[in-house]
Amino acid sequence: MSWNSEQYLKFKKERTQPSIDLADRLTAQSPASIIDIGCGPGNSTAILKKRYPNAAVTGADNSENMVMAAKEKYPDIEFILCDASKDLGELNRKFDIVFSNACIQWVPDHPKLLREMLSLLKECGELAVQVPMNYDEPIHKIIGEISASEKWRDKFNDPRHFYTLAPEKYYDILAEISSDFEMWQATYFHRMKSHSDIMEWYKGTGLRPYLEALSETDSAEFERDIFEEVQKAYPKQANGEIIFRFPRLFFRAVK
């Protein structure tokens, strides 16, 4: 799947806030080295650099478009191409903090992935992760139901797989591989000006695998079908805005 940094950053403030909240829970006082796995266009990496200006901060992502955008926006930070599903063992570096904001939902086999992320840490280093927990939200269900409908299911040879685990599963993994950890969940109530804004948000993430699998004509029709249901599922508030709920799970673990 390809990524578009401009589309992703249409909601930069809302997408960056969880990384701010996660960084605020880090306990390291003077880390020497930090890696941001799945850094995207660098907005989360910049938060880490601001929090720890004396640390060597590296942003890593498997999208060339995202890495190029990050390098252009933040030339004082190192950014590298790295596929978290297979390249972590090739980094040949150890870090005081391994950070990942809204990335691992795209990567399979989380028991293996979290062990590999923890292996990048120095002794007593911190792992800090945020992963969306929005599979019970209307937009998520709408995309799943419509893509699986009789009209559309034959159009998708490889529909998006959701790799996110239940919180209880993450608890068991962390209890096994970490000496100490904590977990928490937060639901963000994003203010959307219109239903079109919700579509624009998801075109930057969850809708992309589906739209890219379709022809231009089918893509437009699929998007219209999703939009019709989004209008029904998200009522407008008294001021005309729409509440776009977005639950996210956070955890912090010590090696």
C-alpha atoms as a PDB file:
ATOM      1  CA  MET A   1       0.000   0.000   0.000  1.00  0.00           C
ATOM      2  CA  SER A   2       1.283   3.456  -0.867  1.00  0.00           C
ATOM      3  CA  TRP A   3       1.077   6.444   1.468  1.00  0.00           C
ATOM      4  CA  ASN A   4       0.401  10.101   0.782  1.00  0.00           C
ATOM      5  CA  SER A   5       1.902  12.468   3.348  1.00  0.00           C
ATOM      6  CA  GLU A   6      -0.210  15.435   2.195  1.00  0.00           C
ATOM      7  CA  GLN A   7      -3.444  13.484   2.653  1.00  0.00           C
ATOM      8  CA  TYR A   8      -2.303  12.200   6.040  1.00  0.00           C
ATOM      9  CA  LEU A   9      -1.392  15.678   7.295  1.00  0.00           C
ATOM     10  CA  LYS A  10      -4.775  17.223   6.503  1.00  0.00           C
ATOM     11  CA  PHE A  11      -5.520  16.429  10.140  1.00  0.00           C
ATOM     12  CA  LYS A  12      -2.029  16.946  11.535  1.00  0.00           C
ATOM     13  CA  LYS A  13      -3.157  18.394  14.885  1.00  0.00           C
ATOM     14  CA  GLU A  14      -5.538  15.525  15.608  1.00  0.00           C
ATOM     15  CA  ARG A  15      -3.113  12.836  14.450  1.00  0.00           C
ATOM     16  CA  THR A  16      -0.223  14.291  16.450  1.00  0.00           C
ATOM     17  CA  GLN A  17      -2.017  14.672  19.806  1.00  0.00           C
ATOM     18  CA  PRO A  18      -1.794  10.968  20.749  1.00  0.00           C
ATOM     19  CA  SER A  19       1.981  11.030  20.195  1.00  0.00           C
ATOM     20  CA  ILE A  20       2.206  14.055  22.498  1.00  0.00           C
ATOM     21  CA  ASP A  21       0.183  12.211  25.124  1.00  0.00           C
ATOM     22  CA  LEU A  22       2.345   9.101  24.785  1.00  0.00           C
ATOM     23  CA  ALA A  23       5.608  11.066  24.943  1.00  0.00           C
ATOM     24  CA  ASP A  24       4.374  12.793  28.103  1.00  0.00           C
ATOM     25  CA  ARG A  25       4.245   9.399  29.858  1.00  0.00           C
ATOM     26  CA  LEU A  26       7.875   8.531  29.142  1.00  0.00           C
ATOM     27  CA  THR A  27       9.959   8.377  32.310  1.00  0.00           C
ATOM     28  CA  ALA A  28      13.465   8.552  30.807  1.00  0.00           C
ATOM     29  CA  GLN A  29      15.348  11.619  32.035  1.00  0.00           C
ATOM     30  CA  SER A  30      18.285  11.918  29.631  1.00  0.00           C
ATOM     31  CA  PRO A  31      18.036   9.295  26.880  1.00  0.00           C
ATOM     32  CA  ALA A  32      20.933   9.242  24.429  1.00  0.00           C
ATOM     33  CA  SER A  33      19.116   7.539  21.554  1.00  0.00           C
ATOM     34  CA  ILE A  34      15.478   7.202  20.454  1.00  0.00           C
ATOM     35  CA  ILE A  35      13.812   5.522  17.486  1.00  0.00           C
ATOM     36  CA  ASP A  36      10.303   6.329  16.247  1.00  0.00           C
ATOM     37  CA  ILE A  37       9.000   3.272  14.382  1.00  0.00           C
ATOM     38  CA  GLY A  38       6.372   4.109  11.781  1.00  0.00           C
ATOM     39  CA  CYS A  39       7.241   7.791  11.942  1.00  0.00           C
ATOM     40  CA  GLY A  40       5.151   8.776   8.917  1.00  0.00           C
ATOM     41  CA  PRO A  41       5.812  12.382   7.867  1.00  0.00           C
ATOM     42  CA  GLY A  42       7.824  13.011  11.046  1.00  0.00           C
ATOM     43  CA  ASN A  43       5.249  14.792  13.200  1.00  0.00           C
ATOM     44  CA  SER A  44       5.613  12.267  16.045  1.00  0.00           C
ATOM     45  CA  THR A  45       9.408  12.225  15.691  1.00  0.00           C
ATOM     46  CA  ALA A  46       9.477  16.004  16.055  1.00  0.00           C
ATOM     47  CA  ILE A  47       7.577  15.657  19.340  1.00  0.00           C
ATOM     48  CA  LEU A  48      10.301  13.349  20.647  1.00  0.00           C
ATOM     49  CA  LYS A  49      13.056  15.719  19.525  1.00  0.00           C
ATOM     50  CA  LYS A  50      11.299  18.591  21.267  1.00  0.00           C
ATOM     51  CA  ARG A  51      10.949  16.544  24.462  1.00  0.00           C
ATOM     52  CA  TYR A  52      14.566  15.333  24.347  1.00  0.00           C
ATOM     53  CA  PRO A  53      16.582  17.901  22.353  1.00  0.00           C
ATOM     54  CA  ASN A  54      19.952  16.375  23.313  1.00  0.00           C
ATOM     55  CA  ALA A  55      19.051  12.850  22.204  1.00  0.00           C
ATOM     56  CA  ALA A  56      19.901  11.305  18.858  1.00  0.00           C
ATOM     57  CA  VAL A  57      16.403  10.792  17.452  1.00  0.00           C
ATOM     58  CA  THR A  58      15.733   8.587  14.416  1.00  0.00           C
ATOM     59  CA  GLY A  59      12.456   8.273  12.542  1.00  0.00           C
ATOM     60  CA  ALA A  60      11.865   5.016  10.641  1.00  0.00           C
ATOM     61  CA  ASP A  61       9.138   4.223   8.123  1.00  0.00           C
ATOM     62  CA  ASN A  62       8.620   1.838   5.194  1.00  0.00           C
ATOM     63  CA  SER A  63       7.075   4.548   2.976  1.00  0.00           C
ATOM     64  CA  GLU A  64       9.502   6.465   0.791  1.00  0.00           C
ATOM     65  CA  ASN A  65       6.898   9.226   0.380  1.00  0.00           C
ATOM     66  CA  MET A  66       6.604   9.642   4.138  1.00  0.00           C
ATOM     67  CA  VAL A  67      10.361   9.580   4.743  1.00  0.00           C
ATOM     68  CA  MET A  68      10.984  12.154   2.022  1.00  0.00           C
ATOM     69  CA  ALA A  69       8.323  14.456   3.480  1.00  0.00           C
ATOM     70  CA  ALA A  70       9.804  14.033   6.970  1.00  0.00           C
ATOM     71  CA  LYS A  71      13.339  14.838   5.802  1.00  0.00           C
ATOM     72  CA  GLU A  72      12.126  17.963   4.041  1.00  0.00           C
ATOM     73  CA  LYS A  73      10.116  19.199   7.034  1.00  0.00           C
ATOM     74  CA  TYR A  74      12.629  18.263   9.754  1.00  0.00           C
ATOM     75  CA  PRO A  75      16.161  18.377   8.248  1.00  0.00           C
ATOM     76  CA  ASP A  76      17.791  18.265  11.692  1.00  0.00           C
ATOM     77  CA  ILE A  77      16.382  14.794  12.430  1.00  0.00           C
ATOM     78  CA  GLU A  78      17.571  11.482  10.956  1.00  0.00           C
ATOM     79  CA  PHE A  79      14.953   9.543   8.969  1.00  0.00           C
ATOM     80  CA  ILE A  80      15.474   6.093   7.476  1.00  0.00           C
ATOM     81  CA  LEU A  81      13.528   3.580   5.398  1.00  0.00           C
ATOM     82  CA  CYS A  82      12.694   0.566   7.534  1.00  0.00           C
ATOM     83  CA  ASP A  83       9.952  -2.056   7.266  1.00  0.00           C
ATOM     84  CA  ALA A  84       8.936  -2.975  10.826  1.00  0.00           C
ATOM     85  CA  SER A  85       7.664  -6.350   9.636  1.00  0.00           C
ATOM     86  CA  LYS A  86      11.123  -7.553   8.615  1.00  0.00           C
ATOM     87  CA  ASP A  87      13.924  -4.990   9.016  1.00  0.00           C
ATOM     88  CA  LEU A  88      14.145  -4.292  12.758  1.00  0.00           C
ATOM     89  CA  GLY A  89      16.817  -6.927  13.293  1.00  0.00           C
ATOM     90  CA  GLU A  90      19.037  -5.245  10.706  1.00  0.00           C
ATOM     91  CA  LEU A  91      19.267  -1.897  12.499  1.00  0.00           C
ATOM     92  CA  ASN A  92      22.298  -3.046  14.522  1.00  0.00           C
ATOM     93  CA  ARG A  93      21.699  -0.324  17.095  1.00  0.00           C
ATOM     94  CA  LYS A  94      20.373  -0.139  20.634  1.00  0.00           C
ATOM     95  CA  PHE A  95      18.120   2.631  21.889  1.00  0.00           C
ATOM     96  CA  ASP A  96      17.033   4.081  25.219  1.00  0.00           C
ATOM     97  CA  ILE A  97      13.490   4.574  23.889  1.00  0.00           C
ATOM     98  CA  VAL A  98      11.603   2.687  21.183  1.00  0.00           C
ATOM     99  CA  PHE A  99       8.504   4.705  20.302  1.00  0.00           C
ATOM    100  CA  SER A 100       5.669   3.909  17.914  1.00  0.00           C
ATOM    101  CA  ASN A 101       2.536   5.971  17.344  1.00  0.00           C
ATOM    102  CA  ALA A 102      -0.324   4.520  15.234  1.00  0.00           C
ATOM    103  CA  CYS A 103       1.854   2.129  13.261  1.00  0.00           C
ATOM    104  CA  ILE A 104       1.742  -1.463  14.462  1.00  0.00           C
ATOM    105  CA  GLN A 105      -1.877  -2.002  13.365  1.00  0.00           C
ATOM    106  CA  TRP A 106      -0.407  -2.346   9.848  1.00  0.00           C
ATOM    107  CA  VAL A 107       2.166  -4.978  10.892  1.00  0.00           C
ATOM    108  CA  PRO A 108       1.332  -8.683  11.386  1.00  0.00           C
ATOM    109  CA  ASP A 109       2.264 -10.987  14.270  1.00  0.00           C
ATOM    110  CA  HIS A 110       2.330  -8.644  17.253  1.00  0.00           C
ATOM    111  CA  PRO A 111       3.792 -11.173  19.730  1.00  0.00           C
ATOM    112  CA  LYS A 112       6.848 -11.410  17.456  1.00  0.00           C
ATOM    113  CA  LEU A 113       6.850  -7.692  16.626  1.00  0.00           C
ATOM    114  CA  LEU A 114       6.798  -6.514  20.249  1.00  0.00           C
ATOM    115  CA  ARG A 115       9.648  -8.874  21.146  1.00  0.00           C
ATOM    116  CA  GLU A 116      11.681  -7.464  18.263  1.00  0.00           C
ATOM    117  CA  MET A 117      10.894  -3.893  19.306  1.00  0.00           C
ATOM    118  CA  LEU A 118      11.933  -4.665  22.878  1.00  0.00           C
ATOM    119  CA  SER A 119      15.160  -6.254  21.601  1.00  0.00           C
ATOM    120  CA  LEU A 120      16.164  -2.855  20.171  1.00  0.00           C
ATOM    121  CA  LEU A 121      16.312  -1.428  23.679  1.00  0.00           C
ATOM    122  CA  LYS A 122      19.247  -1.069  26.002  1.00  0.00           C
ATOM    123  CA  GLU A 123      18.786  -2.623  29.415  1.00  0.00           C
ATOM    124  CA  CYS A 124      16.067  -0.724  31.349  1.00  0.00           C
ATOM    125  CA  GLY A 125      15.064   1.096  28.156  1.00  0.00           C
ATOM    126  CA  GLU A 126      11.453   2.054  27.475  1.00  0.00           C
ATOM    127  CA  LEU A 127       9.043   0.824  24.824  1.00  0.00           C
ATOM    128  CA  ALA A 128       6.127   3.205  24.198  1.00  0.00           C
ATOM    129  CA  VAL A 129       3.325   2.314  21.791  1.00  0.00           C
ATOM    130  CA  GLN A 130      -0.037   3.707  20.720  1.00  0.00           C
ATOM    131  CA  VAL A 131      -2.378   1.659  18.549  1.00  0.00           C
ATOM    132  CA  PRO A 132      -5.882   2.589  17.327  1.00  0.00           C
ATOM    133  CA  MET A 133      -8.707   0.596  18.942  1.00  0.00           C
ATOM    134  CA  ASN A 134     -11.474   1.794  16.645  1.00  0.00           C
ATOM    135  CA  TYR A 135     -12.765  -1.476  15.185  1.00  0.00           C
ATOM    136  CA  ASP A 136     -16.117  -0.983  16.986  1.00  0.00           C
ATOM    137  CA  GLU A 137     -16.583   2.535  15.600  1.00  0.00           C
ATOM    138  CA  PRO A 138     -19.129   3.192  12.816  1.00  0.00           C
ATOM    139  CA  ILE A 139     -16.645   4.101  10.064  1.00  0.00           C
ATOM    140  CA  HIS A 140     -14.674   0.920  10.620  1.00  0.00           C
ATOM    141  CA  LYS A 141     -17.795  -1.263  10.515  1.00  0.00           C
ATOM    142  CA  ILE A 142     -19.136   0.548   7.454  1.00  0.00           C
ATOM    143  CA  ILE A 143     -15.973  -0.092   5.433  1.00  0.00           C
ATOM    144  CA  GLY A 144     -15.934  -3.741   6.475  1.00  0.00           C
ATOM    145  CA  GLU A 145     -19.606  -4.350   5.673  1.00  0.00           C
ATOM    146  CA  ILE A 146     -19.599  -2.596   2.315  1.00  0.00           C
ATOM    147  CA  SER A 147     -16.326  -4.148   1.117  1.00  0.00           C
ATOM    148  CA  ALA A 148     -17.751  -7.593   2.000  1.00  0.00           C
ATOM    149  CA  SER A 149     -21.119  -6.941   0.339  1.00  0.00           C
ATOM    150  CA  GLU A 150     -22.212  -8.816  -2.792  1.00  0.00           C
ATOM    151  CA  LYS A 151     -21.653  -5.677  -4.866  1.00  0.00           C
ATOM    152  CA  TRP A 152     -18.012  -5.212  -3.892  1.00  0.00           C
ATOM    153  CA  ARG A 153     -16.472  -8.381  -2.455  1.00  0.00           C
ATOM    154  CA  ASP A 154     -15.242  -9.731  -5.800  1.00  0.00           C
ATOM    155  CA  LYS A 155     -13.329  -6.476  -6.398  1.00  0.00           C
ATOM    156  CA  PHE A 156     -10.932  -7.088  -3.516  1.00  0.00           C
ATOM    157  CA  ASN A 157      -8.452  -9.935  -3.900  1.00  0.00           C
ATOM    158  CA  ASP A 158      -6.646  -9.030  -0.703  1.00  0.00           C
ATOM    159  CA  PRO A 159      -8.798  -6.850   1.557  1.00  0.00           C
ATOM    160  CA  ARG A 160      -7.097  -5.113   4.415  1.00  0.00           C
ATOM    161  CA  HIS A 161      -6.178  -7.320   7.337  1.00  0.00           C
ATOM    162  CA  PHE A 162      -6.492  -5.866  10.804  1.00  0.00           C
ATOM    163  CA  TYR A 163      -3.619  -6.952  12.988  1.00  0.00           C
ATOM    164  CA  THR A 164      -4.649  -5.141  16.164  1.00  0.00           C
ATOM    165  CA  LEU A 165      -5.135  -7.440  19.152  1.00  0.00           C
ATOM    166  CA  ALA A 166      -7.504  -7.084  22.085  1.00  0.00           C
ATOM    167  CA  PRO A 167      -6.095  -5.183  25.092  1.00  0.00           C
ATOM    168  CA  GLU A 168      -6.066  -8.403  27.113  1.00  0.00           C
ATOM    169  CA  LYS A 169      -3.779 -10.015  24.523  1.00  0.00           C
ATOM    170  CA  TYR A 170      -1.333  -7.113  24.724  1.00  0.00           C
ATOM    171  CA  TYR A 171      -1.416  -7.434  28.516  1.00  0.00           C
ATOM    172  CA  ASP A 172      -0.386 -11.093  28.337  1.00  0.00           C
ATOM    173  CA  ILE A 173       2.402 -10.377  25.847  1.00  0.00           C
ATOM    174  CA  LEU A 174       3.810  -7.505  27.908  1.00  0.00           C
ATOM    175  CA  ALA A 175       3.598  -9.510  31.134  1.00  0.00           C
ATOM    176  CA  GLU A 176       5.727 -12.192  29.495  1.00  0.00           C
ATOM    177  CA  ILE A 177       8.408 -10.033  27.863  1.00  0.00           C
ATOM    178  CA  SER A 178       8.710  -6.972  30.100  1.00  0.00           C
ATOM    179  CA  SER A 179       9.934  -6.396  33.633  1.00  0.00           C
ATOM    180  CA  ASP A 180       7.361  -3.635  34.169  1.00  0.00           C
ATOM    181  CA  PHE A 181       4.583  -2.158  32.052  1.00  0.00           C
ATOM    182  CA  GLU A 182       1.438  -0.039  32.119  1.00  0.00           C
ATOM    183  CA  MET A 183      -1.542   0.245  29.771  1.00  0.00           C
ATOM    184  CA  TRP A 184      -4.258   2.835  29.307  1.00  0.00           C
ATOM    185  CA  GLN A 185      -6.902   3.778  26.788  1.00  0.00           C
ATOM    186  CA  ALA A 186      -8.223   7.159  25.653  1.00  0.00           C
ATOM    187  CA  THR A 187     -11.050   8.101  23.313  1.00  0.00           C
ATOM    188  CA  TYR A 188     -10.504  11.282  21.319  1.00  0.00           C
ATOM    189  CA  PHE A 189     -13.595  13.240  20.337  1.00  0.00           C
ATOM    190  CA  HIS A 190     -12.399  14.908  17.154  1.00  0.00           C
ATOM    191  CA  ARG A 191     -14.441  17.833  15.866  1.00  0.00           C
ATOM    192  CA  MET A 192     -15.260  17.375  12.192  1.00  0.00           C
ATOM    193  CA  LYS A 193     -16.765  20.212  10.176  1.00  0.00           C
ATOM    194  CA  SER A 194     -18.601  17.838   7.846  1.00  0.00           C
ATOM    195  CA  HIS A 195     -19.081  14.203   6.894  1.00  0.00           C
ATOM    196  CA  SER A 196     -16.655  14.832   4.052  1.00  0.00           C
ATOM    197  CA  ASP A 197     -13.974  15.498   6.678  1.00  0.00           C
ATOM    198  CA  ILE A 198     -14.439  11.974   8.048  1.00  0.00           C
ATOM    199  CA  MET A 199     -13.955  10.623   4.540  1.00  0.00           C
ATOM    200  CA  GLU A 200     -10.836  12.721   4.044  1.00  0.00           C
ATOM    201  CA  TRP A 201      -9.436  11.409   7.341  1.00  0.00           C
ATOM    202  CA  TYR A 202      -9.934   7.784   6.332  1.00  0.00           C
ATOM    203  CA  LYS A 203      -8.689   8.305   2.790  1.00  0.00           C
ATOM    204  CA  GLY A 204      -5.359   9.027   4.482  1.00  0.00           C
ATOM    205  CA  THR A 205      -5.358   5.691   6.337  1.00  0.00           C
ATOM    206  CA  GLY A 206      -8.051   2.983   6.542  1.00  0.00           C
ATOM    207  CA  LEU A 207      -9.688   3.539   3.144  1.00  0.00           C
ATOM    208  CA  ARG A 208      -6.442   3.613   1.172  1.00  0.00           C
ATOM    209  CA  PRO A 209      -6.040  -0.171   0.667  1.00  0.00           C
ATOM    210  CA  TYR A 210      -9.551  -0.393  -0.759  1.00  0.00           C
ATOM    211  CA  LEU A 211      -9.406   2.659  -3.012  1.00  0.00           C
ATOM    212  CA  GLU A 212      -6.032   1.608  -4.429  1.00  0.00           C
ATOM    213  CA  ALA A 213      -7.414  -1.828  -5.343  1.00  0.00           C
ATOM    214  CA  LEU A 214     -10.137  -0.330  -7.555  1.00  0.00           C
ATOM    215  CA  SER A 215     -10.264   1.378 -10.909  1.00  0.00           C
ATOM    216  CA  GLU A 216     -10.830   5.127 -10.912  1.00  0.00           C
ATOM    217  CA  THR A 217     -14.537   4.672 -11.701  1.00  0.00           C
ATOM    218  CA  ASP A 218     -15.077   1.937  -9.100  1.00  0.00           C
ATOM    219  CA  SER A 219     -13.079   3.866  -6.525  1.00  0.00           C
ATOM    220  CA  ALA A 220     -15.376   6.875  -6.850  1.00  0.00           C
ATOM    221  CA  GLU A 221     -18.485   4.677  -6.559  1.00  0.00           C
ATOM    222  CA  PHE A 222     -17.124   2.755  -3.581  1.00  0.00           C
ATOM    223  CA  GLU A 223     -16.350   6.044  -1.882  1.00  0.00           C
ATOM    224  CA  ARG A 224     -19.910   7.266  -2.535  1.00  0.00           C
ATOM    225  CA  ASP A 225     -21.346   4.080  -1.009  1.00  0.00           C
ATOM    226  CA  ILE A 226     -19.224   4.568   2.109  1.00  0.00           C
ATOM    227  CA  PHE A 227     -20.162   8.247   2.306  1.00  0.00           C
ATOM    228  CA  GLU A 228     -23.907   7.491   2.247  1.00  0.00           C
ATOM    229  CA  GLU A 229     -23.562   5.260   5.296  1.00  0.00           C
ATOM    230  CA  VAL A 230     -21.236   7.675   7.090  1.00  0.00           C
ATOM    231  CA  GLN A 231     -23.902  10.381   6.796  1.00  0.00           C
ATOM    232  CA  LYS A 232     -26.413   8.084   8.491  1.00  0.00           C
ATOM    233  CA  ALA A 233     -24.057   6.873  11.224  1.00  0.00           C
ATOM    234  CA  TYR A 234     -22.654  10.224  12.398  1.00  0.00           C
ATOM    235  CA  PRO A 235     -25.313  12.750  13.459  1.00  0.00           C
ATOM    236  CA  LYS A 236     -24.594  16.446  13.429  1.00  0.00           C
ATOM    237  CA  GLN A 237     -24.362  18.379  16.677  1.00  0.00           C
ATOM    238  CA  ALA A 238     -26.364  21.538  17.392  1.00  0.00           C
ATOM    239  CA  ASN A 239     -23.617  23.717  15.904  1.00  0.00           C
ATOM    240  CA  GLY A 240     -23.432  21.610  12.728  1.00  0.00           C
ATOM    241  CA  GLU A 241     -20.192  19.838  13.615  1.00  0.00           C
ATOM    242  CA  ILE A 242     -19.780  16.074  13.946  1.00  0.00           C
ATOM    243  CA  ILE A 243     -18.181  14.109  16.762  1.00  0.00           C
ATOM    244  CA  PHE A 244     -15.667  11.661  15.324  1.00  0.00           C
ATOM    245  CA  ARG A 245     -14.826   9.249  18.145  1.00  0.00           C
ATOM    246  CA  PHE A 246     -11.415   7.590  17.971  1.00  0.00           C
ATOM    247  CA  PRO A 247     -10.393   5.176  20.776  1.00  0.00           C
ATOM    248  CA  ARG A 248      -6.674   4.447  21.142  1.00  0.00           C
ATOM    249  CA  LEU A 249      -4.736   2.012  23.333  1.00  0.00           C
ATOM    250  CA  PHE A 250      -1.409   3.040  24.868  1.00  0.00           C
ATOM    251  CA  PHE A 251       1.218   0.993  26.639  1.00  0.00           C
ATOM    252  CA  ARG A 252       4.660   1.591  28.069  1.00  0.00           C
ATOM    253  CA  ALA A 253       7.029  -1.249  28.939  1.00  0.00           C
ATOM    254  CA  VAL A 254      10.502  -1.518  30.439  1.00  0.00           C
ATOM    255  CA  LYS A 255      13.156  -3.959  29.244  1.00  0.00           C
END
